Protein backbone atom coordinates (compact mmCIF):
# COMPACT_ATOMS: atom_id res chain seq x y z
CA MET A 1 -8.23 -12.99 -23.32
CA VAL A 2 -4.65 -11.51 -22.10
CA SER A 3 -3.90 -7.96 -23.81
CA SER A 4 -0.70 -7.31 -26.00
CA TRP A 5 0.47 -5.56 -23.16
CA ALA A 6 -0.04 -8.50 -20.94
CA ILE A 7 1.83 -10.53 -22.58
CA ALA A 8 4.54 -8.08 -23.07
CA ALA A 9 4.51 -7.48 -19.36
CA CYS A 10 4.66 -10.78 -18.51
CA THR A 11 7.46 -11.82 -20.18
CA ARG A 12 10.99 -12.76 -18.04
CA PRO A 13 12.12 -9.38 -16.69
CA SER A 14 15.91 -8.20 -16.45
CA THR A 15 17.27 -8.62 -12.93
CA SER A 16 17.20 -5.04 -12.08
CA ASN A 17 14.24 -3.19 -10.94
CA SER A 18 15.33 -0.04 -12.89
CA SER A 19 14.25 -1.66 -15.98
CA PRO A 20 11.05 -2.54 -17.23
CA ILE A 21 9.62 -5.94 -18.12
CA SER A 22 9.80 -5.87 -21.51
CA GLN A 23 12.48 -3.85 -23.38
CA ALA A 24 9.88 -3.64 -26.24
CA SER A 25 7.70 -0.36 -26.65
CA ILE A 26 4.75 -1.02 -24.50
CA PRO A 27 1.35 0.84 -25.23
CA SER A 28 -0.74 2.00 -22.67
CA PRO A 29 -3.35 -0.39 -21.89
CA VAL A 30 -6.94 -0.01 -23.16
CA ALA A 31 -10.05 -1.20 -22.06
CA THR A 32 -7.87 -3.98 -19.90
CA VAL A 33 -9.40 -3.69 -17.08
CA THR A 34 -11.32 -5.84 -15.17
CA THR A 35 -14.59 -5.20 -13.02
CA PRO A 36 -14.97 -6.71 -9.50
CA PRO A 37 -17.70 -9.28 -8.50
CA ALA A 38 -19.94 -6.94 -6.55
CA THR A 39 -19.51 -9.16 -3.34
CA VAL A 40 -15.76 -8.25 -3.66
CA SER A 41 -16.34 -4.24 -4.27
CA GLN A 42 -18.27 -3.83 -1.32
CA ARG A 43 -15.58 -5.30 0.36
CA LEU A 44 -12.92 -2.98 -0.92
CA GLN A 45 -11.66 0.33 1.16
CA PRO A 46 -13.58 3.34 -0.56
CA THR A 47 -10.62 5.68 -0.66
CA PRO A 48 -6.87 4.90 -0.30
CA THR A 49 -5.23 6.28 2.77
CA CYS A 50 -2.43 8.29 1.10
CA ASP A 51 0.20 11.46 1.47
CA ASP A 52 1.37 14.00 -0.91
CA GLY A 53 4.73 12.90 -0.97
CA ASP A 54 4.55 9.05 0.32
CA GLU A 55 7.29 7.13 0.24
CA ILE A 56 8.19 4.72 -2.64
CA THR A 57 7.64 0.97 -1.71
CA PRO A 58 10.72 -0.75 -1.15
CA SER A 59 12.02 -3.10 -3.63
CA GLN A 60 12.96 -6.61 -2.60
CA THR A 61 14.24 -9.82 -4.82
CA ALA A 62 12.11 -11.63 -6.91
CA GLY A 63 13.79 -14.85 -5.75
CA PRO A 64 14.15 -17.93 -7.98
CA PHE A 65 10.37 -18.79 -8.86
CA TYR A 66 9.00 -16.27 -10.76
CA THR A 67 7.41 -17.36 -13.85
CA PRO A 68 6.26 -15.03 -17.37
CA ASN A 69 3.32 -15.15 -18.79
CA SER A 70 1.04 -16.13 -16.09
CA PRO A 71 -2.33 -16.23 -16.81
CA GLU A 72 -4.60 -12.47 -16.43
CA ARG A 73 -7.05 -13.71 -13.10
CA THR A 74 -8.26 -11.67 -10.26
CA SER A 75 -8.61 -15.14 -8.33
CA LEU A 76 -6.05 -17.94 -7.78
CA ILE A 77 -8.55 -20.17 -5.73
CA GLU A 78 -7.70 -23.67 -6.56
CA PRO A 79 -10.75 -26.05 -6.80
CA GLY A 80 -10.87 -29.00 -3.84
CA VAL A 81 -8.38 -26.69 -1.56
CA ALA A 82 -9.31 -26.41 1.93
CA ALA A 83 -6.71 -23.66 2.92
CA ARG A 84 -7.96 -20.40 4.62
CA LYS A 85 -8.78 -17.68 1.69
CA LEU A 86 -7.22 -14.26 1.83
CA LEU A 87 -8.63 -11.70 -0.10
CA LEU A 88 -5.63 -8.83 -0.95
CA THR A 89 -6.97 -5.48 -1.89
CA GLY A 90 -5.69 -2.02 -2.26
CA TRP A 91 -4.62 0.70 -4.76
CA VAL A 92 -1.33 1.34 -7.00
CA LEU A 93 -0.70 5.04 -6.41
CA THR A 94 2.10 7.88 -7.18
CA GLN A 95 3.84 9.55 -5.04
CA ASP A 96 1.54 12.90 -5.10
CA CYS A 97 -1.34 9.72 -4.26
CA THR A 98 -2.92 10.05 -7.89
CA PRO A 99 -4.15 6.36 -8.27
CA VAL A 100 -2.49 4.32 -12.04
CA VAL A 101 -5.14 2.96 -13.71
CA GLY A 102 -4.29 0.21 -15.54
CA ALA A 103 -1.09 -0.60 -13.76
CA LEU A 104 0.09 -3.94 -14.29
CA VAL A 105 0.20 -6.24 -10.90
CA ASP A 106 1.97 -9.62 -10.89
CA PHE A 107 1.48 -12.04 -8.12
CA TRP A 108 2.79 -15.29 -7.10
CA HIS A 109 2.88 -17.51 -4.09
CA THR A 110 3.51 -20.73 -2.23
CA ASP A 111 0.75 -23.33 -2.22
CA GLU A 112 -0.29 -24.07 1.34
CA THR A 113 1.95 -26.71 2.11
CA GLY A 114 4.59 -23.80 0.97
CA GLN A 115 5.70 -25.19 -2.40
CA TYR A 116 6.04 -22.90 -5.19
CA ASP A 117 4.20 -24.70 -8.65
CA ASN A 118 7.12 -24.46 -10.95
CA ALA A 119 5.94 -26.80 -13.61
CA GLY A 120 2.28 -24.75 -14.13
CA TYR A 121 0.23 -21.48 -12.57
CA ARG A 122 -1.16 -22.71 -9.62
CA TYR A 123 -1.09 -19.21 -7.48
CA ARG A 124 0.26 -17.34 -9.90
CA GLY A 125 -1.54 -14.55 -12.11
CA HIS A 126 -1.46 -10.83 -13.22
CA GLN A 127 -4.09 -8.11 -13.73
CA PHE A 128 -4.70 -4.77 -14.55
CA THR A 129 -5.79 -1.95 -11.68
CA ASP A 130 -9.31 -1.05 -13.13
CA ALA A 131 -10.57 3.15 -13.40
CA SER A 132 -9.86 3.87 -9.87
CA GLY A 133 -6.69 2.51 -9.92
CA ARG A 134 -7.38 -0.76 -7.32
CA TYR A 135 -6.58 -4.28 -7.47
CA PHE A 136 -7.93 -7.13 -6.15
CA LEU A 137 -6.92 -10.82 -5.33
CA GLU A 138 -8.67 -13.70 -4.07
CA THR A 139 -6.62 -16.76 -2.47
CA ILE A 140 -5.49 -18.39 -0.30
CA VAL A 141 -3.08 -17.64 2.86
CA PRO A 142 0.27 -19.00 1.66
CA GLY A 143 2.20 -21.76 3.47
CA GLU A 144 5.72 -20.95 4.82
CA TYR A 145 8.59 -21.66 2.47
CA PRO A 146 11.29 -23.38 4.45
CA SER A 147 13.64 -20.65 6.00
CA ARG A 148 11.56 -18.10 4.65
CA THR A 149 8.43 -16.21 7.26
CA ARG A 150 5.09 -16.10 4.83
CA HIS A 151 4.82 -13.68 2.32
CA ILE A 152 3.61 -12.88 -1.45
CA HIS A 153 5.65 -11.95 -4.29
CA VAL A 154 4.68 -8.88 -6.79
CA LYS A 155 5.61 -7.39 -9.84
CA VAL A 156 3.92 -3.47 -10.51
CA GLN A 157 4.24 -1.85 -13.41
CA ALA A 158 2.39 1.61 -14.97
CA ALA A 159 2.44 1.55 -18.37
CA ASN A 160 6.13 2.21 -20.39
CA GLN A 161 7.60 2.65 -16.46
CA PRO A 162 10.40 0.65 -14.75
CA VAL A 163 9.20 -2.35 -12.39
CA LEU A 164 8.59 -2.75 -8.99
CA THR A 165 9.31 -6.19 -7.78
CA THR A 166 8.82 -6.44 -3.91
CA GLN A 167 7.48 -9.41 -1.31
CA LEU A 168 4.08 -8.72 1.08
CA TYR A 169 4.57 -10.02 4.59
CA PHE A 170 2.14 -10.49 6.98
CA PRO A 171 1.80 -9.31 11.16
CA ASN A 172 2.46 -11.25 14.06
CA GLU A 173 4.22 -14.07 12.17
CA SER A 174 6.78 -15.73 14.54
CA ARG A 175 9.21 -15.94 11.54
CA ASN A 176 8.93 -12.51 10.69
CA GLN A 177 12.29 -10.91 12.71
CA ARG A 178 14.33 -14.09 11.68
CA ASP A 179 13.69 -14.01 8.03
CA PHE A 180 16.49 -11.95 6.61
CA LEU A 181 14.47 -10.23 3.86
CA PHE A 182 11.61 -8.80 6.35
CA ASN A 183 10.82 -5.19 6.06
CA PRO A 184 8.14 -4.29 8.50
CA GLU A 185 7.43 -1.50 5.64
CA LEU A 186 6.22 -4.10 3.59
CA LEU A 187 3.47 -5.59 5.81
CA VAL A 188 -0.27 -6.07 4.85
CA THR A 189 -3.19 -4.49 7.11
CA LEU A 190 -5.28 -7.48 8.37
CA GLN A 191 -8.99 -7.58 8.71
CA GLU A 192 -10.01 -10.82 10.48
CA SER A 193 -13.26 -12.62 9.15
CA VAL A 194 -14.85 -15.66 9.90
CA GLU A 195 -14.81 -16.34 6.37
CA GLU A 196 -11.65 -15.53 5.09
CA GLN A 197 -9.08 -13.51 6.03
CA GLN A 198 -8.85 -9.86 4.60
CA ALA A 199 -5.42 -7.73 3.73
CA THR A 200 -5.06 -4.42 2.29
CA PHE A 201 -1.61 -2.93 0.93
CA ASN A 202 -1.11 -0.16 -1.19
CA PHE A 203 1.90 -0.10 -3.91
CA VAL A 204 3.44 3.66 -4.44
CA LEU A 205 5.58 4.17 -7.61
CA ALA A 206 8.36 6.62 -8.18
CA SER A 207 6.21 9.94 -10.21
């Protein structure tokens, strides 16, 4: 069941990152944390890498294909898809390294052919960070959208705080240096495995 905060938070946002997703007063989320499966928990880093005074995660455009009211879920895997699996994990932190519990993290990206689903919610979903401020997403390695390098769109919001809208990128992609939006500060850290590609990224929000 999607919480009242999720419904409010996933309505269409303003174009400015200085405004919250919902203009209504959003209560702090209560009992919205989803516990990851044991197999996923075992693969998460034990503690986030953070230095007091970390820089805020850079914002980027949401692009034209954001869809509000995505389902609340931690897995975007579609039945029967043979694309390479991706496990993306990390923390949402403040600049003083405090984990943000119950932060909204909303993901969307292309399918394996580089196309967005603009009619439904394939490869779209939101979740809330757990009691340690962690998020975890099981999905696929997205395909390359024409004229763009490989990337994942994200919106991150602590309760009653401004929205961070940004994009995550993959290292060693041939299109990175030709992409007009690419920012090396938004590169995920990759760890290859036989079964899937594993990536980590910690979001830092303004304190």
